């Protein structure tokens, strides 16, 4: 999608607060990696972190907001949302694109709306992209090919989360 200007990726869970470091590296890592991928993995993004814990110190909400390449991105988790829902939204001057639970996509242009659902007979690992990624990785190993996941992108995601945890412990 050209001219992306706002990217938001959120993972919501029902009543499942967790220790902060565990929630950040186990759950927030996925929406952050997705948001960074949708943003084209901006080099040296400026990031801001927010976290909210309950009275016992369990993480209820956390977010990473980053700026890079003329766009703003946000990845967040809400561990007390009252529903299990994952959603990614990309805003552009030409419309809004939204994917829910990696199963349904919505496209909004002006006053029109298009919805496309993934086939209900397809295995979840196919629908969510895990099976094709694993096949691509095994193919790369078998044929001495290039890793389908660039290590630099994984490092960026992990570095931002390490910075977030360091801020939490400060």
Protein backbone atom coordinates (compact mmCIF):
# COMPACT_ATOMS: atom_id res chain seq x y z
CA UNK A 1 0.00 0.00 0.00
CA UNK A 2 1.67 3.20 -1.10
CA UNK A 3 1.73 6.33 1.06
CA UNK A 4 1.11 4.53 4.35
CA UNK A 5 0.80 7.09 7.13
CA UNK A 6 -0.64 5.22 10.12
CA UNK A 7 -0.22 1.59 11.11
CA UNK A 8 -1.81 0.04 14.19
CA UNK A 9 -1.59 -3.58 15.27
CA UNK A 10 -3.38 -4.72 18.42
CA UNK A 11 -3.67 -8.04 20.21
CA UNK A 12 -6.53 -8.24 22.72
CA UNK A 13 -7.06 -10.94 25.33
CA UNK A 14 -9.72 -11.75 27.91
CA UNK A 15 -8.66 -11.28 31.55
CA UNK A 16 -5.10 -12.57 31.20
CA UNK A 17 -2.67 -10.14 32.86
CA UNK A 18 0.89 -11.54 32.94
CA UNK A 19 4.25 -10.59 34.36
CA UNK A 20 5.44 -7.62 32.26
CA UNK A 21 8.59 -9.14 30.73
CA UNK A 22 6.73 -12.35 29.84
CA UNK A 23 3.83 -10.49 28.20
CA UNK A 24 6.17 -8.20 26.27
CA UNK A 25 8.36 -10.95 24.80
CA UNK A 26 5.60 -13.55 24.43
CA UNK A 27 2.70 -11.44 23.14
CA UNK A 28 3.70 -7.86 22.25
CA UNK A 29 6.50 -9.16 20.02
CA UNK A 30 3.97 -10.32 17.40
CA UNK A 31 2.04 -7.07 16.88
CA UNK A 32 5.30 -5.09 16.98
CA UNK A 33 6.96 -7.29 14.37
CA UNK A 34 3.84 -7.03 12.19
CA UNK A 35 3.65 -3.23 12.54
CA UNK A 36 7.34 -2.87 11.71
CA UNK A 37 6.93 -5.17 8.68
CA UNK A 38 3.95 -3.16 7.43
CA UNK A 39 6.06 -0.01 7.88
CA UNK A 40 8.88 -1.54 5.83
CA UNK A 41 11.14 -1.97 8.88
CA UNK A 42 12.17 1.69 9.18
CA UNK A 43 15.83 2.17 10.02
CA UNK A 44 16.36 3.60 13.49
CA UNK A 45 12.73 4.38 14.31
CA UNK A 46 12.03 6.76 17.18
CA UNK A 47 10.04 4.80 19.76
CA UNK A 48 7.94 5.60 22.82
CA UNK A 49 6.72 2.97 25.27
CA UNK A 50 3.69 2.88 27.55
CA UNK A 51 2.71 0.21 30.06
CA UNK A 52 -0.04 -0.22 32.61
CA UNK A 53 0.04 -2.86 35.35
CA UNK A 54 -2.57 -3.91 37.88
CA UNK A 55 -2.10 -3.47 41.64
CA UNK A 56 -0.13 -6.75 41.79
CA UNK A 57 2.29 -5.70 39.02
CA UNK A 58 0.81 -7.86 36.24
CA UNK A 59 0.80 -6.16 32.86
CA UNK A 60 -2.66 -5.21 31.61
CA UNK A 61 -1.75 -3.03 28.62
CA UNK A 62 1.40 -2.09 26.76
CA UNK A 63 2.22 -0.29 23.55
CA UNK A 64 5.14 0.73 21.38
CA UNK A 65 4.63 3.81 19.23
CA UNK A 66 7.26 4.48 16.58
CA UNK A 67 7.91 7.09 13.94
CA UNK A 68 9.81 6.45 10.75
CA UNK A 69 9.70 7.18 7.05
CA UNK A 70 6.85 9.72 7.33
CA UNK A 71 4.52 7.39 9.18
CA UNK A 72 3.48 6.54 12.70
CA UNK A 73 3.09 2.98 13.85
CA UNK A 74 1.71 1.51 17.03
CA UNK A 75 1.76 -2.03 18.34
CA UNK A 76 -0.19 -2.83 21.47
CA UNK A 77 -1.56 -5.54 23.70
CA UNK A 78 -4.60 -5.31 25.95
CA UNK A 79 -4.67 -8.23 28.35
CA UNK A 80 -8.02 -7.16 29.85
CA UNK A 81 -10.00 -6.37 26.67
CA UNK A 82 -12.93 -8.66 27.36
CA UNK A 83 -12.45 -10.41 24.01
CA UNK A 84 -9.78 -12.23 22.03
CA UNK A 85 -9.25 -10.18 18.88
CA UNK A 86 -6.21 -9.34 16.80
CA UNK A 87 -6.37 -6.48 14.36
CA UNK A 88 -3.99 -4.69 11.99
CA UNK A 89 -4.95 -1.43 10.29
CA UNK A 90 -3.06 0.54 7.66
CA UNK A 91 -4.19 4.06 6.84
CA UNK A 92 -3.33 5.83 3.58
CA UNK A 93 -4.62 8.98 1.87
CA UNK A 94 -6.53 6.62 -0.46
CA UNK A 95 -8.26 4.42 2.10
CA UNK A 96 -8.06 2.24 5.14
CA UNK A 97 -7.12 -1.44 5.15
CA UNK A 98 -7.91 -3.68 8.13
CA UNK A 99 -7.29 -7.37 8.86
CA UNK A 100 -8.98 -9.08 11.81
CA UNK A 101 -7.69 -12.31 13.34
CA UNK A 102 -5.69 -12.96 10.15
CA UNK A 103 -8.94 -14.25 8.70
CA UNK A 104 -10.96 -11.31 7.42
CA UNK A 105 -9.79 -8.24 5.50
CA UNK A 106 -11.71 -5.01 5.13
CA UNK A 107 -10.95 -2.28 2.60
CA UNK A 108 -12.50 1.17 2.95
CA UNK A 109 -12.36 3.73 0.12
CA UNK A 110 -14.52 6.82 0.54
CA UNK A 111 -17.96 5.43 1.34
CA UNK A 112 -17.34 1.94 -0.03
CA UNK A 113 -16.41 -1.12 2.00
CA UNK A 114 -15.16 -4.50 0.79
CA UNK A 115 -14.82 -7.55 3.03
CA UNK A 116 -12.95 -10.74 2.16
CA UNK A 117 -12.90 -13.78 4.46
CA UNK A 118 -10.34 -16.56 4.25
CA UNK A 119 -11.68 -19.99 3.29
CA UNK A 120 -13.12 -21.70 6.35
CA UNK A 121 -11.88 -25.11 5.15
CA UNK A 122 -8.24 -24.01 5.07
CA UNK A 123 -6.05 -25.10 8.03
CA UNK A 124 -5.32 -22.30 10.50
CA UNK A 125 -1.54 -22.54 10.01
CA UNK A 126 -2.05 -21.90 6.27
CA UNK A 127 -4.51 -19.05 6.84
CA UNK A 128 -2.23 -17.32 9.30
CA UNK A 129 0.88 -17.74 7.16
CA UNK A 130 2.91 -19.97 9.46
CA UNK A 131 2.96 -23.04 7.20
CA UNK A 132 4.19 -21.13 4.11
CA UNK A 133 6.90 -19.43 6.18
CA UNK A 134 8.09 -22.74 7.63
CA UNK A 135 8.15 -24.27 4.13
CA UNK A 136 10.14 -21.30 2.81
CA UNK A 137 12.63 -21.63 5.68
CA UNK A 138 13.11 -25.39 5.12
CA UNK A 139 13.49 -24.77 1.39
CA UNK A 140 16.15 -22.13 2.07
CA UNK A 141 18.04 -24.53 4.37
CA UNK A 142 17.77 -27.45 1.92
CA UNK A 143 18.91 -25.34 -1.03
CA UNK A 144 21.42 -23.06 0.74
CA UNK A 145 19.07 -20.19 0.00
CA UNK A 146 18.43 -16.93 1.76
CA UNK A 147 16.57 -16.88 5.08
CA UNK A 148 12.98 -15.77 4.33
CA UNK A 149 13.09 -13.68 7.53
CA UNK A 150 15.89 -11.14 7.40
CA UNK A 151 17.84 -11.34 10.67
CA UNK A 152 18.10 -7.54 10.82
CA UNK A 153 14.31 -7.26 11.05
CA UNK A 154 14.19 -9.71 13.96
CA UNK A 155 16.96 -7.78 15.69
CA UNK A 156 15.04 -4.51 15.32
CA UNK A 157 11.91 -5.98 16.91
CA UNK A 158 13.90 -7.53 19.76
CA UNK A 159 15.96 -4.36 20.34
CA UNK A 160 12.85 -2.22 20.71
CA UNK A 161 11.38 -4.69 23.20
CA UNK A 162 14.66 -4.87 25.13
CA UNK A 163 14.60 -1.08 25.35
CA UNK A 164 11.01 -1.26 26.62
CA UNK A 165 11.90 -3.81 29.32
CA UNK A 166 14.92 -1.71 30.34
CA UNK A 167 12.60 1.29 30.75
CA UNK A 168 10.27 -0.86 32.84
CA UNK A 169 13.13 -1.89 35.15
CA UNK A 170 14.50 1.67 35.49
